[in-house]
Amino acid sequence: MPHRKLFAVLLLIPFSLLTVYAVMEVGYVGIFDYHRHSPAGWQVFTDLVIALLLVFVWMIPDARERGRNPWPWVVATLFLGSLGPLLYLATDRQSVAVESHA
């Protein structure tokens, strides 16, 4: 398993469990609502948005280069946050061929 895929799988499993737990406790909207009550929350939310925009700068060209449609992963990222890019990396079947030629 290539390094980036292994890294994604190792992060995806515990982060998915944490996400499910958080959604069960406060609901999907509650995750966002938590951050709107203080400047510290605004900062954390803004930082997440910036980080995910930077992921788009990498993920969209990478998907096209690998012959994958980037838009399902963009939509997944918009609704699921970091789970979108992690799923993108974990489901890449061409990693071995592309990375072995790099």
PDB file of N, CA and C in Angstrom:
ATOM      1  N   MET A   1       0.859  -1.175   0.000  1.00  0.00           N
ATOM      2  CA  MET A   1       0.000   0.000   0.000  1.00  0.00           C
ATOM      3  C   MET A   1       0.906   1.239   0.000  1.00  0.00           C
ATOM      4  N   PRO A   2       0.714   2.155  -0.924  1.00  0.00           N
ATOM      5  CA  PRO A   2       1.533   3.366  -0.984  1.00  0.00           C
ATOM      6  C   PRO A   2       1.397   4.182   0.295  1.00  0.00           C
ATOM      7  N   HIS A   3       2.406   4.998   0.553  1.00  0.00           N
ATOM      8  CA  HIS A   3       2.453   5.764   1.799  1.00  0.00           C
ATOM      9  C   HIS A   3       1.255   6.692   1.967  1.00  0.00           C
ATOM     10  N   ARG A   4       0.874   7.391   0.922  1.00  0.00           N
ATOM     11  CA  ARG A   4      -0.227   8.348   1.083  1.00  0.00           C
ATOM     12  C   ARG A   4      -1.552   7.639   1.313  1.00  0.00           C
ATOM     13  N   LYS A   5      -1.742   6.477   0.724  1.00  0.00           N
ATOM     14  CA  LYS A   5      -2.965   5.717   0.945  1.00  0.00           C
ATOM     15  C   LYS A   5      -2.987   5.133   2.356  1.00  0.00           C
ATOM     16  N   LEU A   6      -1.880   4.588   2.806  1.00  0.00           N
ATOM     17  CA  LEU A   6      -1.775   4.046   4.160  1.00  0.00           C
ATOM     18  C   LEU A   6      -2.015   5.146   5.191  1.00  0.00           C
ATOM     19  N   PHE A   7      -1.402   6.292   4.993  1.00  0.00           N
ATOM     20  CA  PHE A   7      -1.583   7.441   5.879  1.00  0.00           C
ATOM     21  C   PHE A   7      -3.059   7.821   5.957  1.00  0.00           C
ATOM     22  N   ALA A   8      -3.730   7.871   4.816  1.00  0.00           N
ATOM     23  CA  ALA A   8      -5.150   8.240   4.772  1.00  0.00           C
ATOM     24  C   ALA A   8      -6.000   7.220   5.516  1.00  0.00           C
ATOM     25  N   VAL A   9      -5.738   5.946   5.310  1.00  0.00           N
ATOM     26  CA  VAL A   9      -6.528   4.899   5.973  1.00  0.00           C
ATOM     27  C   VAL A   9      -6.319   4.959   7.485  1.00  0.00           C
ATOM     28  N   LEU A  10      -5.066   5.160   7.909  1.00  0.00           N
ATOM     29  CA  LEU A  10      -4.785   5.236   9.347  1.00  0.00           C
ATOM     30  C   LEU A  10      -5.472   6.439  10.004  1.00  0.00           C
ATOM     31  N   LEU A  11      -5.627   7.531   9.285  1.00  0.00           N
ATOM     32  CA  LEU A  11      -6.346   8.689   9.812  1.00  0.00           C
ATOM     33  C   LEU A  11      -7.860   8.538   9.659  1.00  0.00           C
ATOM     34  N   LEU A  12      -8.278   7.928   8.569  1.00  0.00           N
ATOM     35  CA  LEU A  12      -9.704   7.834   8.243  1.00  0.00           C
ATOM     36  C   LEU A  12     -10.490   7.055   9.297  1.00  0.00           C
ATOM     37  N   ILE A  13      -9.949   5.983   9.765  1.00  0.00           N
ATOM     38  CA  ILE A  13     -10.686   5.123  10.694  1.00  0.00           C
ATOM     39  C   ILE A  13     -10.984   5.843  12.015  1.00  0.00           C
ATOM     40  N   PRO A  14      -9.974   6.322  12.754  1.00  0.00           N
ATOM     41  CA  PRO A  14     -10.311   6.989  14.024  1.00  0.00           C
ATOM     42  C   PRO A  14     -11.064   8.308  13.821  1.00  0.00           C
ATOM     43  N   PHE A  15     -10.746   9.044  12.756  1.00  0.00           N
ATOM     44  CA  PHE A  15     -11.443  10.310  12.531  1.00  0.00           C
ATOM     45  C   PHE A  15     -12.903  10.076  12.166  1.00  0.00           C
ATOM     46  N   SER A  16     -13.180   9.026  11.418  1.00  0.00           N
ATOM     47  CA  SER A  16     -14.569   8.681  11.100  1.00  0.00           C
ATOM     48  C   SER A  16     -15.344   8.336  12.367  1.00  0.00           C
ATOM     49  N   LEU A  17     -14.713   7.574  13.253  1.00  0.00           N
ATOM     50  CA  LEU A  17     -15.362   7.228  14.519  1.00  0.00           C
ATOM     51  C   LEU A  17     -15.626   8.480  15.359  1.00  0.00           C
ATOM     52  N   LEU A  18     -14.661   9.381  15.419  1.00  0.00           N
ATOM     53  CA  LEU A  18     -14.849  10.631  16.146  1.00  0.00           C
ATOM     54  C   LEU A  18     -15.969  11.457  15.531  1.00  0.00           C
ATOM     55  N   THR A  19     -16.028  11.503  14.222  1.00  0.00           N
ATOM     56  CA  THR A  19     -17.071  12.262  13.525  1.00  0.00           C
ATOM     57  C   THR A  19     -18.451  11.684  13.807  1.00  0.00           C
ATOM     58  N   VAL A  20     -18.572  10.369  13.743  1.00  0.00           N
ATOM     59  CA  VAL A  20     -19.855   9.721  14.036  1.00  0.00           C
ATOM     60  C   VAL A  20     -20.275  10.025  15.472  1.00  0.00           C
ATOM     61  N   TYR A  21     -19.345   9.929  16.399  1.00  0.00           N
ATOM     62  CA  TYR A  21     -19.644  10.232  17.802  1.00  0.00           C
ATOM     63  C   TYR A  21     -20.109  11.679  17.961  1.00  0.00           C
ATOM     64  N   ALA A  22     -19.395  12.615  17.351  1.00  0.00           N
ATOM     65  CA  ALA A  22     -19.763  14.036  17.459  1.00  0.00           C
ATOM     66  C   ALA A  22     -21.141  14.295  16.872  1.00  0.00           C
ATOM     67  N   VAL A  23     -21.423  13.713  15.720  1.00  0.00           N
ATOM     68  CA  VAL A  23     -22.734  13.908  15.092  1.00  0.00           C
ATOM     69  C   VAL A  23     -23.832  13.290  15.955  1.00  0.00           C
ATOM     70  N   MET A  24     -23.555  12.157  16.559  1.00  0.00           N
ATOM     71  CA  MET A  24     -24.545  11.533  17.441  1.00  0.00           C
ATOM     72  C   MET A  24     -24.812  12.402  18.671  1.00  0.00           C
ATOM     73  N   GLU A  25     -23.785  13.055  19.172  1.00  0.00           N
ATOM     74  CA  GLU A  25     -23.920  13.867  20.386  1.00  0.00           C
ATOM     75  C   GLU A  25     -24.591  15.216  20.130  1.00  0.00           C
ATOM     76  N   VAL A  26     -24.184  15.913  19.062  1.00  0.00           N
ATOM     77  CA  VAL A  26     -24.672  17.287  18.859  1.00  0.00           C
ATOM     78  C   VAL A  26     -25.374  17.493  17.525  1.00  0.00           C
ATOM     79  N   GLY A  27     -25.374  16.507  16.653  1.00  0.00           N
ATOM     80  CA  GLY A  27     -25.986  16.650  15.340  1.00  0.00           C
ATOM     81  C   GLY A  27     -25.041  17.329  14.363  1.00  0.00           C
ATOM     82  N   TYR A  28     -25.357  17.194  13.082  1.00  0.00           N
ATOM     83  CA  TYR A  28     -24.500  17.761  12.029  1.00  0.00           C
ATOM     84  C   TYR A  28     -24.400  19.279  12.168  1.00  0.00           C
ATOM     85  N   VAL A  29     -25.536  19.941  12.354  1.00  0.00           N
ATOM     86  CA  VAL A  29     -25.549  21.401  12.483  1.00  0.00           C
ATOM     87  C   VAL A  29     -24.870  21.821  13.780  1.00  0.00           C
ATOM     88  N   GLY A  30     -24.995  21.009  14.816  1.00  0.00           N
ATOM     89  CA  GLY A  30     -24.384  21.329  16.099  1.00  0.00           C
ATOM     90  C   GLY A  30     -22.870  21.453  16.034  1.00  0.00           C
ATOM     91  N   ILE A  31     -22.252  20.706  15.145  1.00  0.00           N
ATOM     92  CA  ILE A  31     -20.794  20.794  14.987  1.00  0.00           C
ATOM     93  C   ILE A  31     -20.410  22.203  14.539  1.00  0.00           C
ATOM     94  N   PHE A  32     -21.166  22.763  13.624  1.00  0.00           N
ATOM     95  CA  PHE A  32     -20.888  24.120  13.150  1.00  0.00           C
ATOM     96  C   PHE A  32     -21.335  25.159  14.168  1.00  0.00           C
ATOM     97  N   ASP A  33     -22.464  24.920  14.810  1.00  0.00           N
ATOM     98  CA  ASP A  33     -23.019  25.861  15.775  1.00  0.00           C
ATOM     99  C   ASP A  33     -22.047  26.119  16.925  1.00  0.00           C
ATOM    100  N   TYR A  34     -21.335  25.108  17.326  1.00  0.00           N
ATOM    101  CA  TYR A  34     -20.378  25.213  18.424  1.00  0.00           C
ATOM    102  C   TYR A  34     -19.357  26.324  18.174  1.00  0.00           C
ATOM    103  N   HIS A  35     -18.984  26.522  16.931  1.00  0.00           N
ATOM    104  CA  HIS A  35     -17.920  27.469  16.596  1.00  0.00           C
ATOM    105  C   HIS A  35     -18.388  28.912  16.433  1.00  0.00           C
ATOM    106  N   ARG A  36     -19.658  29.152  16.442  1.00  0.00           N
ATOM    107  CA  ARG A  36     -20.134  30.510  16.171  1.00  0.00           C
ATOM    108  C   ARG A  36     -20.243  31.391  17.409  1.00  0.00           C
ATOM    109  N   HIS A  37     -19.956  30.853  18.583  1.00  0.00           N
ATOM    110  CA  HIS A  37     -20.193  31.585  19.819  1.00  0.00           C
ATOM    111  C   HIS A  37     -19.005  32.386  20.343  1.00  0.00           C
ATOM    112  N   SER A  38     -17.855  32.264  19.732  1.00  0.00           N
ATOM    113  CA  SER A  38     -16.705  33.022  20.242  1.00  0.00           C
ATOM    114  C   SER A  38     -15.697  33.274  19.125  1.00  0.00           C
ATOM    115  N   PRO A  39     -14.872  34.309  19.292  1.00  0.00           N
ATOM    116  CA  PRO A  39     -13.820  34.552  18.294  1.00  0.00           C
ATOM    117  C   PRO A  39     -12.876  33.363  18.136  1.00  0.00           C
ATOM    118  N   ALA A  40     -12.651  32.612  19.201  1.00  0.00           N
ATOM    119  CA  ALA A  40     -11.791  31.423  19.091  1.00  0.00           C
ATOM    120  C   ALA A  40     -12.445  30.398  18.167  1.00  0.00           C
ATOM    121  N   GLY A  41     -13.735  30.230  18.281  1.00  0.00           N
ATOM    122  CA  GLY A  41     -14.455  29.312  17.397  1.00  0.00           C
ATOM    123  C   GLY A  41     -14.442  29.791  15.960  1.00  0.00           C
ATOM    124  N   TRP A  42     -14.595  31.096  15.763  1.00  0.00           N
ATOM    125  CA  TRP A  42     -14.540  31.657  14.409  1.00  0.00           C
ATOM    126  C   TRP A  42     -13.173  31.381  13.792  1.00  0.00           C
ATOM    127  N   GLN A  43     -12.127  31.531  14.618  1.00  0.00           N
ATOM    128  CA  GLN A  43     -10.766  31.323  14.122  1.00  0.00           C
ATOM    129  C   GLN A  43     -10.569  29.863  13.703  1.00  0.00           C
ATOM    130  N   VAL A  44     -11.025  28.935  14.529  1.00  0.00           N
ATOM    131  CA  VAL A  44     -10.865  27.509  14.218  1.00  0.00           C
ATOM    132  C   VAL A  44     -11.638  27.157  12.942  1.00  0.00           C
ATOM    133  N   PHE A  45     -12.857  27.658  12.827  1.00  0.00           N
ATOM    134  CA  PHE A  45     -13.662  27.378  11.643  1.00  0.00           C
ATOM    135  C   PHE A  45     -13.029  27.989  10.390  1.00  0.00           C
ATOM    136  N   THR A  46     -12.551  29.233  10.501  1.00  0.00           N
ATOM    137  CA  THR A  46     -11.894  29.891   9.364  1.00  0.00           C
ATOM    138  C   THR A  46     -10.632  29.149   8.961  1.00  0.00           C
ATOM    139  N   ASP A  47      -9.877  28.674   9.948  1.00  0.00           N
ATOM    140  CA  ASP A  47      -8.671  27.903   9.667  1.00  0.00           C
ATOM    141  C   ASP A  47      -9.018  26.619   8.909  1.00  0.00           C
ATOM    142  N   LEU A  48     -10.093  25.953   9.304  1.00  0.00           N
ATOM    143  CA  LEU A  48     -10.531  24.746   8.599  1.00  0.00           C
ATOM    144  C   LEU A  48     -10.907  25.057   7.160  1.00  0.00           C
ATOM    145  N   VAL A  49     -11.622  26.145   6.954  1.00  0.00           N
ATOM    146  CA  VAL A  49     -12.017  26.529   5.593  1.00  0.00           C
ATOM    147  C   VAL A  49     -10.780  26.801   4.738  1.00  0.00           C
ATOM    148  N   ILE A  50      -9.823  27.537   5.276  1.00  0.00           N
ATOM    149  CA  ILE A  50      -8.591  27.839   4.532  1.00  0.00           C
ATOM    150  C   ILE A  50      -7.838  26.550   4.212  1.00  0.00           C
ATOM    151  N   ALA A  51      -7.710  25.673   5.192  1.00  0.00           N
ATOM    152  CA  ALA A  51      -6.987  24.409   4.977  1.00  0.00           C
ATOM    153  C   ALA A  51      -7.662  23.571   3.892  1.00  0.00           C
ATOM    154  N   LEU A  52      -8.992  23.528   3.904  1.00  0.00           N
ATOM    155  CA  LEU A  52      -9.689  22.729   2.896  1.00  0.00           C
ATOM    156  C   LEU A  52      -9.615  23.378   1.515  1.00  0.00           C
ATOM    157  N   LEU A  53      -9.573  24.700   1.458  1.00  0.00           N
ATOM    158  CA  LEU A  53      -9.359  25.359   0.160  1.00  0.00           C
ATOM    159  C   LEU A  53      -7.978  25.006  -0.391  1.00  0.00           C
ATOM    160  N   LEU A  54      -6.979  24.948   0.487  1.00  0.00           N
ATOM    161  CA  LEU A  54      -5.640  24.522   0.056  1.00  0.00           C
ATOM    162  C   LEU A  54      -5.653  23.072  -0.419  1.00  0.00           C
ATOM    163  N   VAL A  55      -6.456  22.236   0.220  1.00  0.00           N
ATOM    164  CA  VAL A  55      -6.596  20.846  -0.229  1.00  0.00           C
ATOM    165  C   VAL A  55      -7.175  20.810  -1.640  1.00  0.00           C
ATOM    166  N   PHE A  56      -8.152  21.682  -1.918  1.00  0.00           N
ATOM    167  CA  PHE A  56      -8.726  21.738  -3.273  1.00  0.00           C
ATOM    168  C   PHE A  56      -7.662  22.085  -4.306  1.00  0.00           C
ATOM    169  N   VAL A  57      -6.750  22.986  -3.954  1.00  0.00           N
ATOM    170  CA  VAL A  57      -5.672  23.384  -4.876  1.00  0.00           C
ATOM    171  C   VAL A  57      -4.832  22.166  -5.257  1.00  0.00           C
ATOM    172  N   TRP A  58      -4.671  21.229  -4.342  1.00  0.00           N
ATOM    173  CA  TRP A  58      -3.925  20.007  -4.628  1.00  0.00           C
ATOM    174  C   TRP A  58      -4.826  18.928  -5.235  1.00  0.00           C
ATOM    175  N   MET A  59      -6.005  18.712  -4.616  1.00  0.00           N
ATOM    176  CA  MET A  59      -6.820  17.545  -4.950  1.00  0.00           C
ATOM    177  C   MET A  59      -7.410  17.606  -6.363  1.00  0.00           C
ATOM    178  N   ILE A  60      -7.884  18.751  -6.797  1.00  0.00           N
ATOM    179  CA  ILE A  60      -8.521  18.845  -8.116  1.00  0.00           C
ATOM    180  C   ILE A  60      -7.531  18.520  -9.230  1.00  0.00           C
ATOM    181  N   PRO A  61      -6.347  19.150  -9.278  1.00  0.00           N
ATOM    182  CA  PRO A  61      -5.394  18.762 -10.332  1.00  0.00           C
ATOM    183  C   PRO A  61      -4.906  17.315 -10.194  1.00  0.00           C
ATOM    184  N   ASP A  62      -4.731  16.852  -8.942  1.00  0.00           N
ATOM    185  CA  ASP A  62      -4.280  15.479  -8.733  1.00  0.00           C
ATOM    186  C   ASP A  62      -5.305  14.486  -9.267  1.00  0.00           C
ATOM    187  N   ALA A  63      -6.576  14.736  -9.008  1.00  0.00           N
ATOM    188  CA  ALA A  63      -7.627  13.837  -9.505  1.00  0.00           C
ATOM    189  C   ALA A  63      -7.631  13.814 -11.031  1.00  0.00           C
ATOM    190  N   ARG A  64      -7.544  14.971 -11.635  1.00  0.00           N
ATOM    191  CA  ARG A  64      -7.537  15.029 -13.109  1.00  0.00           C
ATOM    192  C   ARG A  64      -6.332  14.294 -13.674  1.00  0.00           C
ATOM    193  N   GLU A  65      -5.186  14.476 -13.049  1.00  0.00           N
ATOM    194  CA  GLU A  65      -3.955  13.813 -13.498  1.00  0.00           C
ATOM    195  C   GLU A  65      -4.082  12.292 -13.419  1.00  0.00           C
ATOM    196  N   ARG A  66      -4.830  11.809 -12.448  1.00  0.00           N
ATOM    197  CA  ARG A  66      -5.012  10.373 -12.246  1.00  0.00           C
ATOM    198  C   ARG A  66      -6.247   9.828 -12.957  1.00  0.00           C
ATOM    199  N   GLY A  67      -6.922  10.681 -13.740  1.00  0.00           N
ATOM    200  CA  GLY A  67      -8.090  10.236 -14.482  1.00  0.00           C
ATOM    201  C   GLY A  67      -9.329  10.060 -13.617  1.00  0.00           C
ATOM    202  N   ARG A  68      -9.384  10.767 -12.499  1.00  0.00           N
ATOM    203  CA  ARG A  68     -10.533  10.684 -11.589  1.00  0.00           C
ATOM    204  C   ARG A  68     -11.333  11.977 -11.682  1.00  0.00           C
ATOM    205  N   ASN A  69     -12.620  11.889 -11.533  1.00  0.00           N
ATOM    206  CA  ASN A  69     -13.479  13.060 -11.506  1.00  0.00           C
ATOM    207  C   ASN A  69     -13.321  13.737 -10.136  1.00  0.00           C
ATOM    208  N   PRO A  70     -12.840  14.980 -10.084  1.00  0.00           N
ATOM    209  CA  PRO A  70     -12.609  15.611  -8.780  1.00  0.00           C
ATOM    210  C   PRO A  70     -13.868  16.079  -8.068  1.00  0.00           C
ATOM    211  N   TRP A  71     -14.964  16.286  -8.807  1.00  0.00           N
ATOM    212  CA  TRP A  71     -16.130  16.960  -8.224  1.00  0.00           C
ATOM    213  C   TRP A  71     -16.854  16.173  -7.146  1.00  0.00           C
ATOM    214  N   PRO A  72     -16.962  14.858  -7.217  1.00  0.00           N
ATOM    215  CA  PRO A  72     -17.549  14.151  -6.065  1.00  0.00           C
ATOM    216  C   PRO A  72     -16.734  14.356  -4.783  1.00  0.00           C
ATOM    217  N   TRP A  73     -15.414  14.475  -4.945  1.00  0.00           N
ATOM    218  CA  TRP A  73     -14.544  14.651  -3.773  1.00  0.00           C
ATOM    219  C   TRP A  73     -14.638  16.083  -3.245  1.00  0.00           C
ATOM    220  N   VAL A  74     -14.836  17.030  -4.130  1.00  0.00           N
ATOM    221  CA  VAL A  74     -15.043  18.422  -3.710  1.00  0.00           C
ATOM    222  C   VAL A  74     -16.347  18.517  -2.917  1.00  0.00           C
ATOM    223  N   VAL A  75     -17.407  17.918  -3.441  1.00  0.00           N
ATOM    224  CA  VAL A  75     -18.701  17.945  -2.741  1.00  0.00           C
ATOM    225  C   VAL A  75     -18.591  17.223  -1.395  1.00  0.00           C
ATOM    226  N   ALA A  76     -17.937  16.073  -1.382  1.00  0.00           N
ATOM    227  CA  ALA A  76     -17.750  15.336  -0.127  1.00  0.00           C
ATOM    228  C   ALA A  76     -16.994  16.196   0.890  1.00  0.00           C
ATOM    229  N   THR A  77     -15.991  16.928   0.425  1.00  0.00           N
ATOM    230  CA  THR A  77     -15.217  17.785   1.316  1.00  0.00           C
ATOM    231  C   THR A  77     -16.069  18.930   1.844  1.00  0.00           C
ATOM    232  N   LEU A  78     -16.905  19.497   1.000  1.00  0.00           N
ATOM    233  CA  LEU A  78     -17.765  20.597   1.446  1.00  0.00           C
ATOM    234  C   LEU A  78     -18.746  20.139   2.530  1.00  0.00           C
ATOM    235  N   PHE A  79     -19.224  18.899   2.442  1.00  0.00           N
ATOM    236  CA  PHE A  79     -20.202  18.405   3.416  1.00  0.00           C
ATOM    237  C   PHE A  79     -19.585  17.623   4.567  1.00  0.00           C
ATOM    238  N   LEU A  80     -18.417  17.009   4.339  1.00  0.00           N
ATOM    239  CA  LEU A  80     -17.824  16.143   5.350  1.00  0.00           C
ATOM    240  C   LEU A  80     -16.475  16.632   5.873  1.00  0.00           C
ATOM    241  N   GLY A  81     -16.009  17.769   5.373  1.00  0.00           N
ATOM    242  CA  GLY A  81     -14.718  18.285   5.831  1.00  0.00           C
ATOM    243  C   GLY A  81     -13.577  17.375   5.409  1.00  0.00           C
ATOM    244  N   SER A  82     -12.676  17.123   6.319  1.00  0.00           N
ATOM    245  CA  SER A  82     -11.472  16.343   6.030  1.00  0.00           C
ATOM    246  C   SER A  82     -11.758  14.911   5.606  1.00  0.00           C
ATOM    247  N   LEU A  83     -12.933  14.409   5.894  1.00  0.00           N
ATOM    248  CA  LEU A  83     -13.260  13.048   5.458  1.00  0.00           C
ATOM    249  C   LEU A  83     -13.242  12.936   3.936  1.00  0.00           C
ATOM    250  N   GLY A  84     -13.599  14.017   3.219  1.00  0.00           N
ATOM    251  CA  GLY A  84     -13.581  13.986   1.757  1.00  0.00           C
ATOM    252  C   GLY A  84     -12.199  13.692   1.191  1.00  0.00           C
ATOM    253  N   PRO A  85     -11.178  14.489   1.539  1.00  0.00           N
ATOM    254  CA  PRO A  85      -9.830  14.199   1.039  1.00  0.00           C
ATOM    255  C   PRO A  85      -9.275  12.864   1.544  1.00  0.00           C
ATOM    256  N   LEU A  86      -9.606  12.501   2.773  1.00  0.00           N
ATOM    257  CA  LEU A  86      -9.135  11.208   3.276  1.00  0.00           C
ATOM    258  C   LEU A  86      -9.734  10.056   2.474  1.00  0.00           C
ATOM    259  N   LEU A  87     -11.023  10.160   2.167  1.00  0.00           N
ATOM    260  CA  LEU A  87     -11.652   9.138   1.326  1.00  0.00           C
ATOM    261  C   LEU A  87     -11.063   9.132  -0.076  1.00  0.00           C
ATOM    262  N   TYR A  88     -10.775  10.315  -0.600  1.00  0.00           N
ATOM    263  CA  TYR A  88     -10.140  10.424  -1.928  1.00  0.00           C
ATOM    264  C   TYR A  88      -8.822   9.646  -1.940  1.00  0.00           C
ATOM    265  N   LEU A  89      -7.996   9.874  -0.936  1.00  0.00           N
ATOM    266  CA  LEU A  89      -6.705   9.191  -0.878  1.00  0.00           C
ATOM    267  C   LEU A  89      -6.859   7.699  -0.623  1.00  0.00           C
ATOM    268  N   ALA A  90      -7.784   7.329   0.253  1.00  0.00           N
ATOM    269  CA  ALA A  90      -7.949   5.922   0.626  1.00  0.00           C
ATOM    270  C   ALA A  90      -8.521   5.082  -0.505  1.00  0.00           C
ATOM    271  N   THR A  91      -9.235   5.708  -1.437  1.00  0.00           N
ATOM    272  CA  THR A  91      -9.862   4.948  -2.526  1.00  0.00           C
ATOM    273  C   THR A  91      -9.085   5.029  -3.837  1.00  0.00           C
ATOM    274  N   ASP A  92      -7.899   5.608  -3.813  1.00  0.00           N
ATOM    275  CA  ASP A  92      -7.106   5.745  -5.035  1.00  0.00           C
ATOM    276  C   ASP A  92      -6.533   4.399  -5.445  1.00  0.00           C
ATOM    277  N   ARG A  93      -6.941   3.903  -6.590  1.00  0.00           N
ATOM    278  CA  ARG A  93      -6.455   2.601  -7.095  1.00  0.00           C
ATOM    279  C   ARG A  93      -5.203   2.753  -7.941  1.00  0.00           C
ATOM    280  N   GLN A  94      -4.917   3.971  -8.397  1.00  0.00           N
ATOM    281  CA  GLN A  94      -3.773   4.174  -9.288  1.00  0.00           C
ATOM    282  C   GLN A  94      -2.520   4.608  -8.541  1.00  0.00           C
ATOM    283  N   SER A  95      -2.584   4.719  -7.233  1.00  0.00           N
ATOM    284  CA  SER A  95      -1.447   5.220  -6.466  1.00  0.00           C
ATOM    285  C   SER A  95      -0.168   4.465  -6.763  1.00  0.00           C
ATOM    286  N   VAL A  96      -0.260   3.148  -6.801  1.00  0.00           N
ATOM    287  CA  VAL A  96       0.928   2.334  -6.976  1.00  0.00           C
ATOM    288  C   VAL A  96       1.602   2.637  -8.300  1.00  0.00           C
ATOM    289  N   ALA A  97       0.833   2.665  -9.390  1.00  0.00           N
ATOM    290  CA  ALA A  97       1.398   2.913 -10.717  1.00  0.00           C
ATOM    291  C   ALA A  97       1.941   4.334 -10.832  1.00  0.00           C
ATOM    292  N   VAL A  98       1.205   5.309 -10.350  1.00  0.00           N
ATOM    293  CA  VAL A  98       1.630   6.701 -10.488  1.00  0.00           C
ATOM    294  C   VAL A  98       2.838   6.981  -9.593  1.00  0.00           C
ATOM    295  N   GLU A  99       2.820   6.509  -8.342  1.00  0.00           N
ATOM    296  CA  GLU A  99       3.910   6.805  -7.428  1.00  0.00           C
ATOM    297  C   GLU A  99       5.177   6.032  -7.781  1.00  0.00           C
ATOM    298  N   SER A 100       5.065   4.854  -8.382  1.00  0.00           N
ATOM    299  CA  SER A 100       6.256   4.101  -8.737  1.00  0.00           C
ATOM    300  C   SER A 100       7.011   4.736  -9.894  1.00  0.00           C
ATOM    301  N   HIS A 101       6.337   5.585 -10.697  1.00  0.00           N
ATOM    302  CA  HIS A 101       6.993   6.264 -11.807  1.00  0.00           C
ATOM    303  C   HIS A 101       7.521   7.627 -11.414  1.00  0.00           C
ATOM    304  N   ALA A 102       7.198   8.085 -10.206  1.00  0.00           N
ATOM    305  CA  ALA A 102       7.611   9.431  -9.775  1.00  0.00           C
ATOM    306  C   ALA A 102       9.051   9.456  -9.365  1.00  0.00           C
TER     307      ALA A 102
END
